[in-house]
Amino acid sequence: MKKIHIQYLKDNLPQYPNIMGKNEFFNAAVLVPLVQKNDEYHFLFEERSLDIRQGGEICFPGGFRQKEIDKTYEQTAIRETIEELGIKKSQIQIIGRMDTLLAPMGMTVDPFIGILDIDDISKINIDNDEVARVFLLPVSYFETQAPEKYQIKLMAHPTDEKPDGQTEILFPVHELGLPKRYHQPWGGSRLNVYVYRTPEAMIWGLTAKIIYNFIQKIEPS
């Protein structure tokens, strides 16, 4: 490379490490909402409406980034929280962000921690099309209740079997002359899945993983 090309490369390298090829994934952001009650911070959770994807499951406010609207992932988290909880932007105080979470279903999630200025969650005007209910659980509950930990197995499939019996070739391993070990599903790495059995509901998956990492941030090492 010529010197000018090296300088061009240097100028275009990220200042901080990120996820390579992030724009090839579905990109989402969530708010980890903290509400003060009885001199203690609580997580605010949503139970998803039964009429939407993953209905009945527990999550934090959030959704996919809309690039034509959201300049940053923080704006995505705030916008979705306003829409789902029916609160004002002035009621949200962002205090920081957590590490980007890469989900096995091909999605990135950027969590932001925010304090909500809410006196009574029963007065929240939730969007019933997306949210069935909201509830609070003390952060201290998760400090004392370790999650159950399980695992799932991840495999790479070069083909996809359709409902009509047809096989769709996703990655032409035969045509490319790749070794036989890639002619069938390969991989088999295991991913931890965390589960919290709370008094309100079962919390698992991405939401539980965010909680688990949040607690690690506030506990002395």
C-alpha atoms as a PDB file:
ATOM      1  CA  MET A   1       0.000   0.000   0.000  1.00  0.00           C
ATOM      2  CA  LYS A   2       1.070   3.559  -0.642  1.00  0.00           C
ATOM      3  CA  LYS A   3       1.414   5.838   2.366  1.00  0.00           C
ATOM      4  CA  ILE A   4      -1.676   7.831   1.401  1.00  0.00           C
ATOM      5  CA  HIS A   5      -3.747   4.626   1.399  1.00  0.00           C
ATOM      6  CA  ILE A   6      -2.516   3.728   4.884  1.00  0.00           C
ATOM      7  CA  GLN A   7      -3.531   7.173   6.142  1.00  0.00           C
ATOM      8  CA  TYR A   8      -6.959   6.790   4.520  1.00  0.00           C
ATOM      9  CA  LEU A   9      -7.374   3.438   6.264  1.00  0.00           C
ATOM     10  CA  LYS A  10      -6.262   4.904   9.581  1.00  0.00           C
ATOM     11  CA  ASP A  11      -8.755   7.760   9.283  1.00  0.00           C
ATOM     12  CA  ASN A  12     -11.615   5.349   8.610  1.00  0.00           C
ATOM     13  CA  LEU A  13     -10.969   2.892  11.431  1.00  0.00           C
ATOM     14  CA  PRO A  14     -13.490   3.158  14.285  1.00  0.00           C
ATOM     15  CA  GLN A  15     -12.410   5.094  17.352  1.00  0.00           C
ATOM     16  CA  TYR A  16     -13.980   2.420  19.534  1.00  0.00           C
ATOM     17  CA  PRO A  17     -14.521  -1.278  18.715  1.00  0.00           C
ATOM     18  CA  ASN A  18     -17.969  -2.127  17.367  1.00  0.00           C
ATOM     19  CA  ILE A  19     -19.631  -5.110  15.696  1.00  0.00           C
ATOM     20  CA  MET A  20     -18.273  -5.833  12.222  1.00  0.00           C
ATOM     21  CA  GLY A  21     -21.113  -5.999   9.696  1.00  0.00           C
ATOM     22  CA  LYS A  22     -23.637  -4.635  12.198  1.00  0.00           C
ATOM     23  CA  ASN A  23     -25.740  -3.160   9.390  1.00  0.00           C
ATOM     24  CA  GLU A  24     -26.318  -6.701   8.064  1.00  0.00           C
ATOM     25  CA  PHE A  25     -28.346  -7.532  11.187  1.00  0.00           C
ATOM     26  CA  PHE A  26     -31.689  -6.253  12.414  1.00  0.00           C
ATOM     27  CA  ASN A  27     -30.720  -3.446  14.793  1.00  0.00           C
ATOM     28  CA  ALA A  28     -32.781  -2.689  17.880  1.00  0.00           C
ATOM     29  CA  ALA A  29     -32.464  -0.638  21.057  1.00  0.00           C
ATOM     30  CA  VAL A  30     -34.154  -0.934  24.433  1.00  0.00           C
ATOM     31  CA  LEU A  31     -34.452   1.195  27.529  1.00  0.00           C
ATOM     32  CA  VAL A  32     -33.711  -0.382  30.893  1.00  0.00           C
ATOM     33  CA  PRO A  33     -36.133   1.770  32.922  1.00  0.00           C
ATOM     34  CA  LEU A  34     -35.467   2.488  36.578  1.00  0.00           C
ATOM     35  CA  VAL A  35     -38.288   3.842  38.740  1.00  0.00           C
ATOM     36  CA  GLN A  36     -37.725   4.989  42.316  1.00  0.00           C
ATOM     37  CA  LYS A  37     -40.253   3.628  44.804  1.00  0.00           C
ATOM     38  CA  ASN A  38     -39.949   3.504  48.599  1.00  0.00           C
ATOM     39  CA  ASP A  39     -36.408   4.880  48.400  1.00  0.00           C
ATOM     40  CA  GLU A  40     -35.341   2.007  46.164  1.00  0.00           C
ATOM     41  CA  TYR A  41     -34.882   1.651  42.421  1.00  0.00           C
ATOM     42  CA  HIS A  42     -37.081  -0.821  40.573  1.00  0.00           C
ATOM     43  CA  PHE A  43     -36.947  -2.171  37.035  1.00  0.00           C
ATOM     44  CA  LEU A  44     -40.060  -1.422  35.010  1.00  0.00           C
ATOM     45  CA  PHE A  45     -41.100  -4.330  32.810  1.00  0.00           C
ATOM     46  CA  GLU A  46     -43.662  -4.726  30.050  1.00  0.00           C
ATOM     47  CA  GLU A  47     -45.757  -7.765  29.276  1.00  0.00           C
ATOM     48  CA  ARG A  48     -46.196  -7.861  25.526  1.00  0.00           C
ATOM     49  CA  SER A  49     -49.688  -7.865  24.048  1.00  0.00           C
ATOM     50  CA  LEU A  50     -50.875 -11.284  22.898  1.00  0.00           C
ATOM     51  CA  ASP A  51     -51.583  -9.892  19.420  1.00  0.00           C
ATOM     52  CA  ILE A  52     -47.948  -9.123  18.558  1.00  0.00           C
ATOM     53  CA  ARG A  53     -44.790 -11.153  17.981  1.00  0.00           C
ATOM     54  CA  GLN A  54     -43.638 -12.945  21.146  1.00  0.00           C
ATOM     55  CA  GLY A  55     -46.934 -12.035  22.781  1.00  0.00           C
ATOM     56  CA  GLY A  56     -47.224 -12.571  26.518  1.00  0.00           C
ATOM     57  CA  GLU A  57     -43.474 -12.430  27.087  1.00  0.00           C
ATOM     58  CA  ILE A  58     -41.714  -9.968  29.384  1.00  0.00           C
ATOM     59  CA  CYS A  59     -39.442  -7.275  27.988  1.00  0.00           C
ATOM     60  CA  PHE A  60     -38.108  -3.766  28.375  1.00  0.00           C
ATOM     61  CA  PRO A  61     -39.466  -0.930  26.195  1.00  0.00           C
ATOM     62  CA  GLY A  62     -37.754  -0.861  22.819  1.00  0.00           C
ATOM     63  CA  GLY A  63     -37.836  -1.826  19.192  1.00  0.00           C
ATOM     64  CA  PHE A  64     -36.095  -1.715  15.849  1.00  0.00           C
ATOM     65  CA  ARG A  65     -34.237   1.391  14.774  1.00  0.00           C
ATOM     66  CA  GLN A  66     -35.941   3.428  12.062  1.00  0.00           C
ATOM     67  CA  LYS A  67     -33.057   5.112  10.268  1.00  0.00           C
ATOM     68  CA  GLU A  68     -35.282   7.745   8.691  1.00  0.00           C
ATOM     69  CA  ILE A  69     -36.372   8.835  12.183  1.00  0.00           C
ATOM     70  CA  ASP A  70     -33.636   7.826  14.622  1.00  0.00           C
ATOM     71  CA  LYS A  71     -30.169   9.298  14.211  1.00  0.00           C
ATOM     72  CA  THR A  72     -28.864   7.209  17.112  1.00  0.00           C
ATOM     73  CA  TYR A  73     -29.807   4.049  18.983  1.00  0.00           C
ATOM     74  CA  GLU A  74     -30.443   6.172  22.060  1.00  0.00           C
ATOM     75  CA  GLN A  75     -33.138   8.004  20.116  1.00  0.00           C
ATOM     76  CA  THR A  76     -34.657   4.636  19.191  1.00  0.00           C
ATOM     77  CA  ALA A  77     -34.845   3.579  22.844  1.00  0.00           C
ATOM     78  CA  ILE A  78     -36.405   6.888  23.884  1.00  0.00           C
ATOM     79  CA  ARG A  79     -38.913   6.976  21.011  1.00  0.00           C
ATOM     80  CA  GLU A  80     -40.090   3.436  21.624  1.00  0.00           C
ATOM     81  CA  THR A  81     -40.436   4.072  25.368  1.00  0.00           C
ATOM     82  CA  ILE A  82     -42.537   7.175  24.749  1.00  0.00           C
ATOM     83  CA  GLU A  83     -44.771   5.280  22.322  1.00  0.00           C
ATOM     84  CA  GLU A  84     -45.220   2.177  24.471  1.00  0.00           C
ATOM     85  CA  LEU A  85     -45.607   3.817  27.892  1.00  0.00           C
ATOM     86  CA  GLY A  86     -47.307   7.028  26.827  1.00  0.00           C
ATOM     87  CA  ILE A  87     -44.906   9.210  28.798  1.00  0.00           C
ATOM     88  CA  LYS A  88     -43.055  12.399  27.872  1.00  0.00           C
ATOM     89  CA  LYS A  89     -39.431  12.655  26.819  1.00  0.00           C
ATOM     90  CA  SER A  90     -38.856  14.983  29.770  1.00  0.00           C
ATOM     91  CA  GLN A  91     -39.683  12.059  32.092  1.00  0.00           C
ATOM     92  CA  ILE A  92     -36.715  10.036  30.814  1.00  0.00           C
ATOM     93  CA  GLN A  93     -33.190  10.676  32.072  1.00  0.00           C
ATOM     94  CA  ILE A  94     -30.588   8.606  30.234  1.00  0.00           C
ATOM     95  CA  ILE A  95     -27.645   7.803  32.502  1.00  0.00           C
ATOM     96  CA  GLY A  96     -25.633   5.615  30.160  1.00  0.00           C
ATOM     97  CA  ARG A  97     -25.524   2.636  27.860  1.00  0.00           C
ATOM     98  CA  MET A  98     -24.575  -1.006  28.175  1.00  0.00           C
ATOM     99  CA  ASP A  99     -22.635  -3.210  25.780  1.00  0.00           C
ATOM    100  CA  THR A 100     -24.290  -4.161  22.504  1.00  0.00           C
ATOM    101  CA  LEU A 101     -25.970  -7.558  22.696  1.00  0.00           C
ATOM    102  CA  LEU A 102     -25.720  -9.864  19.682  1.00  0.00           C
ATOM    103  CA  ALA A 103     -28.752 -12.156  19.653  1.00  0.00           C
ATOM    104  CA  PRO A 104     -28.567 -15.615  18.047  1.00  0.00           C
ATOM    105  CA  MET A 105     -31.566 -14.850  15.833  1.00  0.00           C
ATOM    106  CA  GLY A 106     -29.540 -12.319  13.850  1.00  0.00           C
ATOM    107  CA  MET A 107     -30.273  -9.131  15.769  1.00  0.00           C
ATOM    108  CA  THR A 108     -28.253  -6.588  17.718  1.00  0.00           C
ATOM    109  CA  VAL A 109     -29.698  -4.871  20.780  1.00  0.00           C
ATOM    110  CA  ASP A 110     -28.273  -1.685  22.268  1.00  0.00           C
ATOM    111  CA  PRO A 111     -29.537  -1.224  25.859  1.00  0.00           C
ATOM    112  CA  PHE A 112     -29.676   2.218  27.475  1.00  0.00           C
ATOM    113  CA  ILE A 113     -30.257   2.764  31.182  1.00  0.00           C
ATOM    114  CA  GLY A 114     -32.737   5.483  32.044  1.00  0.00           C
ATOM    115  CA  ILE A 115     -34.434   6.833  35.158  1.00  0.00           C
ATOM    116  CA  LEU A 116     -38.159   7.465  34.695  1.00  0.00           C
ATOM    117  CA  ASP A 117     -39.913  10.284  36.531  1.00  0.00           C
ATOM    118  CA  ILE A 118     -43.059   8.325  37.392  1.00  0.00           C
ATOM    119  CA  ASP A 119     -44.956   8.456  40.685  1.00  0.00           C
ATOM    120  CA  ASP A 120     -47.586   5.802  39.993  1.00  0.00           C
ATOM    121  CA  ILE A 121     -47.308   3.220  37.198  1.00  0.00           C
ATOM    122  CA  SER A 122     -51.082   2.655  37.305  1.00  0.00           C
ATOM    123  CA  LYS A 123     -51.443   6.104  35.749  1.00  0.00           C
ATOM    124  CA  ILE A 124     -49.229   5.242  32.767  1.00  0.00           C
ATOM    125  CA  ASN A 125     -51.161   5.421  29.499  1.00  0.00           C
ATOM    126  CA  ILE A 126     -49.716   2.295  27.873  1.00  0.00           C
ATOM    127  CA  ASP A 127     -50.199   1.449  24.205  1.00  0.00           C
ATOM    128  CA  ASN A 128     -52.532  -1.544  24.516  1.00  0.00           C
ATOM    129  CA  ASP A 129     -51.749  -2.645  20.960  1.00  0.00           C
ATOM    130  CA  GLU A 130     -48.224  -3.501  22.095  1.00  0.00           C
ATOM    131  CA  VAL A 131     -48.306  -3.660  25.887  1.00  0.00           C
ATOM    132  CA  ALA A 132     -50.687  -5.755  28.004  1.00  0.00           C
ATOM    133  CA  ARG A 133     -49.456  -4.441  31.354  1.00  0.00           C
ATOM    134  CA  VAL A 134     -46.444  -3.035  33.190  1.00  0.00           C
ATOM    135  CA  PHE A 135     -45.036  -3.966  36.573  1.00  0.00           C
ATOM    136  CA  LEU A 136     -42.122  -3.167  38.866  1.00  0.00           C
ATOM    137  CA  LEU A 137     -39.566  -5.402  40.550  1.00  0.00           C
ATOM    138  CA  PRO A 138     -36.829  -4.092  42.864  1.00  0.00           C
ATOM    139  CA  VAL A 139     -33.308  -4.142  41.512  1.00  0.00           C
ATOM    140  CA  SER A 140     -32.344  -5.654  44.872  1.00  0.00           C
ATOM    141  CA  TYR A 141     -34.509  -8.692  44.080  1.00  0.00           C
ATOM    142  CA  PHE A 142     -32.173  -9.605  41.225  1.00  0.00           C
ATOM    143  CA  GLU A 143     -29.124  -8.976  43.400  1.00  0.00           C
ATOM    144  CA  THR A 144     -30.242 -11.748  45.758  1.00  0.00           C
ATOM    145  CA  GLN A 145     -31.910 -14.103  43.264  1.00  0.00           C
ATOM    146  CA  ALA A 146     -29.393 -15.701  40.927  1.00  0.00           C
ATOM    147  CA  PRO A 147     -30.853 -16.732  37.571  1.00  0.00           C
ATOM    148  CA  GLU A 148     -31.195 -20.304  36.442  1.00  0.00           C
ATOM    149  CA  LYS A 149     -28.743 -20.955  33.618  1.00  0.00           C
ATOM    150  CA  TYR A 150     -29.398 -23.250  30.683  1.00  0.00           C
ATOM    151  CA  GLN A 151     -27.913 -23.598  27.211  1.00  0.00           C
ATOM    152  CA  ILE A 152     -29.056 -23.801  23.626  1.00  0.00           C
ATOM    153  CA  LYS A 153     -27.099 -25.272  20.737  1.00  0.00           C
ATOM    154  CA  LEU A 154     -26.325 -23.148  17.685  1.00  0.00           C
ATOM    155  CA  MET A 155     -25.851 -24.750  14.270  1.00  0.00           C
ATOM    156  CA  ALA A 156     -25.052 -23.321  10.824  1.00  0.00           C
ATOM    157  CA  HIS A 157     -27.336 -24.710   8.092  1.00  0.00           C
ATOM    158  CA  PRO A 158     -26.251 -24.342   4.427  1.00  0.00           C
ATOM    159  CA  THR A 159     -29.776 -25.267   3.266  1.00  0.00           C
ATOM    160  CA  ASP A 160     -33.356 -24.576   4.319  1.00  0.00           C
ATOM    161  CA  GLU A 161     -36.122 -27.163   4.124  1.00  0.00           C
ATOM    162  CA  LYS A 162     -39.360 -25.516   2.942  1.00  0.00           C
ATOM    163  CA  PRO A 163     -42.859 -26.590   4.091  1.00  0.00           C
ATOM    164  CA  ASP A 164     -43.579 -27.872   0.563  1.00  0.00           C
ATOM    165  CA  GLY A 165     -40.628 -30.260   0.769  1.00  0.00           C
ATOM    166  CA  GLN A 166     -38.327 -28.188  -1.445  1.00  0.00           C
ATOM    167  CA  THR A 167     -34.757 -27.505  -0.355  1.00  0.00           C
ATOM    168  CA  GLU A 168     -33.433 -23.955  -0.680  1.00  0.00           C
ATOM    169  CA  ILE A 169     -29.677 -23.721  -1.082  1.00  0.00           C
ATOM    170  CA  LEU A 170     -28.475 -20.823   1.043  1.00  0.00           C
ATOM    171  CA  PHE A 171     -24.751 -21.453   0.784  1.00  0.00           C
ATOM    172  CA  PRO A 172     -23.592 -23.492  -2.281  1.00  0.00           C
ATOM    173  CA  VAL A 173     -20.959 -25.530  -0.481  1.00  0.00           C
ATOM    174  CA  HIS A 174     -20.817 -28.210  -3.218  1.00  0.00           C
ATOM    175  CA  GLU A 175     -20.373 -25.688  -6.025  1.00  0.00           C
ATOM    176  CA  LEU A 176     -17.684 -23.861  -4.071  1.00  0.00           C
ATOM    177  CA  GLY A 177     -15.819 -27.102  -3.468  1.00  0.00           C
ATOM    178  CA  LEU A 178     -15.740 -26.691   0.290  1.00  0.00           C
ATOM    179  CA  PRO A 179     -14.792 -29.622   2.555  1.00  0.00           C
ATOM    180  CA  LYS A 180     -17.479 -32.257   3.196  1.00  0.00           C
ATOM    181  CA  ARG A 181     -17.875 -31.196   6.820  1.00  0.00           C
ATOM    182  CA  TYR A 182     -19.738 -28.130   5.524  1.00  0.00           C
ATOM    183  CA  HIS A 183     -22.139 -30.158   3.353  1.00  0.00           C
ATOM    184  CA  GLN A 184     -24.384 -30.643   6.386  1.00  0.00           C
ATOM    185  CA  PRO A 185     -25.155 -28.496   9.443  1.00  0.00           C
ATOM    186  CA  TRP A 186     -22.013 -27.641  11.363  1.00  0.00           C
ATOM    187  CA  GLY A 187     -21.037 -25.766  14.474  1.00  0.00           C
ATOM    188  CA  GLY A 188     -22.687 -26.812  17.695  1.00  0.00           C
ATOM    189  CA  SER A 189     -21.454 -24.038  19.980  1.00  0.00           C
ATOM    190  CA  ARG A 190     -23.577 -23.462  23.064  1.00  0.00           C
ATOM    191  CA  LEU A 191     -25.095 -20.207  24.243  1.00  0.00           C
ATOM    192  CA  ASN A 192     -26.141 -19.481  27.817  1.00  0.00           C
ATOM    193  CA  VAL A 193     -29.825 -18.755  28.432  1.00  0.00           C
ATOM    194  CA  TYR A 194     -30.759 -17.070  31.727  1.00  0.00           C
ATOM    195  CA  VAL A 195     -34.129 -17.485  33.444  1.00  0.00           C
ATOM    196  CA  TYR A 196     -35.567 -15.572  36.407  1.00  0.00           C
ATOM    197  CA  ARG A 197     -38.676 -17.022  38.072  1.00  0.00           C
ATOM    198  CA  THR A 198     -40.113 -13.858  39.622  1.00  0.00           C
ATOM    199  CA  PRO A 199     -43.325 -13.283  41.618  1.00  0.00           C
ATOM    200  CA  GLU A 200     -44.752 -11.435  38.598  1.00  0.00           C
ATOM    201  CA  ALA A 201     -43.713 -13.551  35.628  1.00  0.00           C
ATOM    202  CA  MET A 202     -41.018 -15.682  34.052  1.00  0.00           C
ATOM    203  CA  ILE A 203     -38.265 -13.472  32.645  1.00  0.00           C
ATOM    204  CA  TRP A 204     -35.831 -15.096  30.250  1.00  0.00           C
ATOM    205  CA  GLY A 205     -33.916 -14.621  27.009  1.00  0.00           C
ATOM    206  CA  LEU A 206     -32.510 -11.248  26.021  1.00  0.00           C
ATOM    207  CA  THR A 207     -34.254  -9.379  28.846  1.00  0.00           C
ATOM    208  CA  ALA A 208     -32.835 -11.749  31.455  1.00  0.00           C
ATOM    209  CA  LYS A 209     -29.374 -11.464  29.919  1.00  0.00           C
ATOM    210  CA  ILE A 210     -29.542  -7.663  30.130  1.00  0.00           C
ATOM    211  CA  ILE A 211     -30.611  -7.883  33.790  1.00  0.00           C
ATOM    212  CA  TYR A 212     -27.820 -10.352  34.549  1.00  0.00           C
ATOM    213  CA  ASN A 213     -25.204  -8.035  33.037  1.00  0.00           C
ATOM    214  CA  PHE A 214     -26.737  -4.985  34.740  1.00  0.00           C
ATOM    215  CA  ILE A 215     -26.383  -6.665  38.142  1.00  0.00           C
ATOM    216  CA  GLN A 216     -22.764  -7.511  37.366  1.00  0.00           C
ATOM    217  CA  LYS A 217     -22.137  -3.808  36.732  1.00  0.00           C
ATOM    218  CA  ILE A 218     -23.404  -2.723  40.164  1.00  0.00           C
ATOM    219  CA  GLU A 219     -21.931  -5.516  42.289  1.00  0.00           C
ATOM    220  CA  PRO A 220     -18.370  -5.127  43.609  1.00  0.00           C
ATOM    221  CA  SER A 221     -15.976  -7.381  41.715  1.00  0.00           C
END
